[in-house]
Every structure is written in structure tokens, then in C-alpha cells.
N, C-alpha and C. Protein backbone atom coordinates (compact mmCIF):
# COMPACT_ATOMS: atom_id res chain seq x y z
N MET A 1 73.76 92.84 111.89
CA MET A 1 75.12 92.75 112.57
C MET A 1 75.73 92.52 111.44
N GLY A 2 75.43 91.79 109.85
CA GLY A 2 76.22 91.20 109.38
C GLY A 2 76.31 92.38 108.44
N GLN A 3 75.58 93.46 108.21
CA GLN A 3 75.66 94.65 107.33
C GLN A 3 76.73 95.77 108.37
N LEU A 4 76.69 95.89 109.49
CA LEU A 4 77.84 96.17 110.20
C LEU A 4 79.28 95.73 109.64
N LYS A 5 79.31 94.17 109.90
CA LYS A 5 80.80 93.81 109.93
C LYS A 5 80.66 94.49 108.50
N ASN A 6 80.24 94.35 107.45
CA ASN A 6 80.24 94.56 106.14
C ASN A 6 80.81 95.96 105.22
N ALA A 7 80.11 96.93 106.30
CA ALA A 7 80.49 98.51 106.44
C ALA A 7 82.12 98.55 107.36
N ARG A 8 82.20 97.89 108.59
CA ARG A 8 83.13 98.28 108.54
C ARG A 8 84.25 97.47 107.65
N GLN A 9 84.09 96.55 107.30
CA GLN A 9 84.95 95.54 106.10
C GLN A 9 85.67 97.14 105.21
N PHE A 10 84.37 97.40 104.72
CA PHE A 10 84.74 98.07 103.88
C PHE A 10 85.27 99.89 104.21
N LEU A 11 85.51 100.35 105.39
CA LEU A 11 85.96 101.30 105.74
C LEU A 11 87.46 100.89 106.20
N THR A 12 87.81 99.79 105.96
CA THR A 12 89.12 99.36 106.37
C THR A 12 89.94 98.95 105.11
N GLU A 13 88.83 98.35 103.92
CA GLU A 13 89.79 97.91 103.54
C GLU A 13 90.51 99.59 102.75
N GLU A 14 91.81 99.20 101.83
CA GLU A 14 92.79 99.95 101.59
C GLU A 14 93.80 99.61 99.99
N ASP A 15 92.51 98.49 98.88
CA ASP A 15 93.12 98.38 98.26
C ASP A 15 93.72 99.65 96.64
N GLY A 16 92.73 100.36 96.94
CA GLY A 16 92.70 101.17 96.02
C GLY A 16 93.79 102.92 96.05
N MET A 17 94.19 102.29 97.40
CA MET A 17 94.98 103.64 98.10
C MET A 17 96.77 103.61 96.92
N GLY A 18 97.05 102.62 96.78
CA GLY A 18 98.58 102.70 96.18
C GLY A 18 98.13 103.28 94.39
N THR A 19 96.95 102.92 94.27
CA THR A 19 96.93 103.47 92.64
C THR A 19 96.50 105.21 93.26
N VAL A 20 96.01 105.43 93.89
CA VAL A 20 95.63 107.17 93.95
C VAL A 20 97.20 107.69 94.32
N GLU A 21 98.36 106.99 95.23
CA GLU A 21 99.26 107.63 95.66
C GLU A 21 100.45 107.74 94.43
N ILE A 22 100.58 106.43 93.93
CA ILE A 22 101.30 106.46 92.35
C ILE A 22 100.91 107.95 90.80
N ILE A 23 99.18 107.82 91.09
CA ILE A 23 99.06 109.03 90.39
C ILE A 23 99.27 110.49 90.68
N LEU A 24 99.62 110.43 92.29
CA LEU A 24 99.86 111.61 92.98
C LEU A 24 101.24 111.87 92.61
N ILE A 25 101.89 111.21 92.66
CA ILE A 25 103.32 111.44 92.91
C ILE A 25 104.05 111.23 91.06
N ILE A 26 103.27 110.87 90.45
CA ILE A 26 102.93 111.25 88.63
C ILE A 26 102.93 112.49 88.45
N VAL A 27 101.78 113.10 89.39
CA VAL A 27 101.35 114.66 89.21
C VAL A 27 102.44 115.46 89.60
N VAL A 28 102.64 115.17 90.78
CA VAL A 28 103.91 115.74 91.34
C VAL A 28 105.36 115.95 90.48
N LEU A 29 105.92 114.88 90.22
CA LEU A 29 106.82 114.80 89.19
C LEU A 29 106.80 115.86 87.43
N VAL A 30 105.47 115.28 86.96
CA VAL A 30 105.13 116.14 85.91
C VAL A 30 105.01 117.90 86.06
N GLY A 31 104.51 117.96 86.86
CA GLY A 31 104.67 119.75 87.47
C GLY A 31 105.74 120.43 88.05
N LEU A 32 107.03 119.29 88.59
CA LEU A 32 108.61 120.06 88.21
C LEU A 32 109.16 119.72 87.24
N VAL A 33 108.67 119.19 86.31
CA VAL A 33 109.18 118.92 85.10
C VAL A 33 109.23 120.32 84.49
N LEU A 34 107.62 120.19 84.31
CA LEU A 34 107.32 121.69 84.01
C LEU A 34 107.24 122.79 84.39
N ILE A 35 108.10 123.08 85.60
CA ILE A 35 108.22 124.42 85.93
C ILE A 35 110.31 124.44 86.18
N PHE A 36 110.45 123.45 86.09
CA PHE A 36 112.21 123.60 85.81
C PHE A 36 112.61 123.00 84.74
N LYS A 37 111.71 122.88 83.79
CA LYS A 37 112.27 122.65 82.14
C LYS A 37 113.21 123.40 81.57
N GLU A 38 113.73 124.75 81.86
CA GLU A 38 114.34 125.49 80.88
C GLU A 38 115.75 124.70 81.82
N GLN A 39 115.67 124.84 83.23
CA GLN A 39 116.84 124.53 83.95
C GLN A 39 117.56 123.06 83.34
N ILE A 40 116.36 121.80 83.42
CA ILE A 40 116.78 120.76 83.22
C ILE A 40 117.26 120.33 81.85
N THR A 41 116.61 121.19 80.88
CA THR A 41 116.97 121.61 78.84
C THR A 41 118.28 121.66 78.86
N SER A 42 118.91 123.08 79.95
CA SER A 42 120.19 123.46 80.03
C SER A 42 120.81 122.42 80.27
N ILE A 43 120.51 121.90 81.44
CA ILE A 43 121.60 120.73 82.19
C ILE A 43 122.09 119.39 81.25
N VAL A 44 120.86 118.53 80.71
CA VAL A 44 121.08 118.16 79.73
C VAL A 44 121.81 118.09 78.67
N ASN A 45 121.68 119.45 77.80
CA ASN A 45 122.65 119.85 77.17
C ASN A 45 124.10 120.11 77.00
N SER A 46 123.74 120.59 78.57
CA SER A 46 125.39 121.20 78.75
C SER A 46 126.47 119.18 78.40
N ILE A 47 125.67 118.14 79.31
CA ILE A 47 125.95 117.14 79.94
C ILE A 47 126.76 116.09 78.62
N PHE A 48 125.21 116.79 77.43
CA PHE A 48 125.56 115.71 76.11
C PHE A 48 126.72 116.22 75.71
N SER A 49 127.09 118.17 75.55
CA SER A 49 127.87 118.63 74.92
C SER A 49 129.43 118.05 75.24
N LYS A 50 129.44 118.06 76.27
CA LYS A 50 130.54 117.24 77.48
C LYS A 50 131.12 116.18 76.73
N ILE A 51 130.34 115.06 77.15
CA ILE A 51 130.32 113.80 76.58
C ILE A 51 131.22 113.68 74.91
N THR A 52 130.33 114.59 74.15
CA THR A 52 130.53 114.38 72.28
C THR A 52 132.24 114.72 72.47
N SER A 53 132.36 116.06 73.51
CA SER A 53 133.42 116.54 73.07
C SER A 53 134.81 115.48 73.97
N GLN A 54 134.39 115.01 74.99
CA GLN A 54 135.23 113.97 75.36
C GLN A 54 135.44 112.58 74.25
N THR A 55 134.68 112.10 74.29
CA THR A 55 134.33 110.73 73.47
C THR A 55 135.44 111.64 71.65
N ASN A 56 136.04 112.73 71.22
CA ASN A 56 136.67 112.89 70.20
C ASN A 56 138.11 112.78 70.69
N LYS A 57 138.41 113.07 71.78
CA LYS A 57 139.41 113.27 72.89
C LYS A 57 140.04 111.43 72.93
N VAL A 58 138.98 110.57 72.70
CA VAL A 58 138.96 109.26 73.06
C VAL A 58 140.26 109.06 72.20
């Protein structure tokens, strides 16, 4: 009877799920960055160039 209770408790335990979910989210984000690397770089460069040109006016 004790073994069945331990087995049921083991199957319902979800402590490790948070770590797996975080790792999967990180993998998806890294994949998106790799796919859209050129677009992200061009957007960031244009934003910084606008910031630089706008600060000269102030």
C-alpha cells in the first residue's frame, strides 16, 4: 500500500516542470533571434542613428 502511495505521489509531483518550461522558452527566443537577426540589427541601428541625430539638435 505504501509503494502505491509513493508511486502516485511521484507521478503527480511537478517541481521540475518550471525548469523545463523556462529552458523551452529560452530555446524558442534564441531561435527567433537567430532567424530574425538581420532585421533586429537593422532596427536597432536605425533607432541608434535617430537617437544620435536627435541629440545633436538638443
